[in-house]
């Protein structure tokens, strides 16, 4: 199991627009995401322009194949070019693995 978290700190008032882009750009092909078990967007209740995307994948290889396919199709760059103007800072990506603790 591989967890991927994307953190988006939006400019003031841009959180709802970013959620719309996530829905159209990432969630729109949810069924085509082989190996993706969960994909949920969360809004920080104290700061609604702070969005966290939480994903659970079967493996890191599944994530990399999905990203590569989106890049070949031009979808990755289109998404990045669309959301970047909405952000107060570059988005962050973190990869997490479960521990026995």
Foldseek 3Di string as FASTA:
>chain_A
DKKKKKKFQFDPPCLVVLVVLCCVQPVVCVVVQPFKDDWDKDADPVHRSIIMIMTDGNDPVSVVVVVVVCVVVVSVVVSCVVCVVGGPDDMDMDMDDDDPD
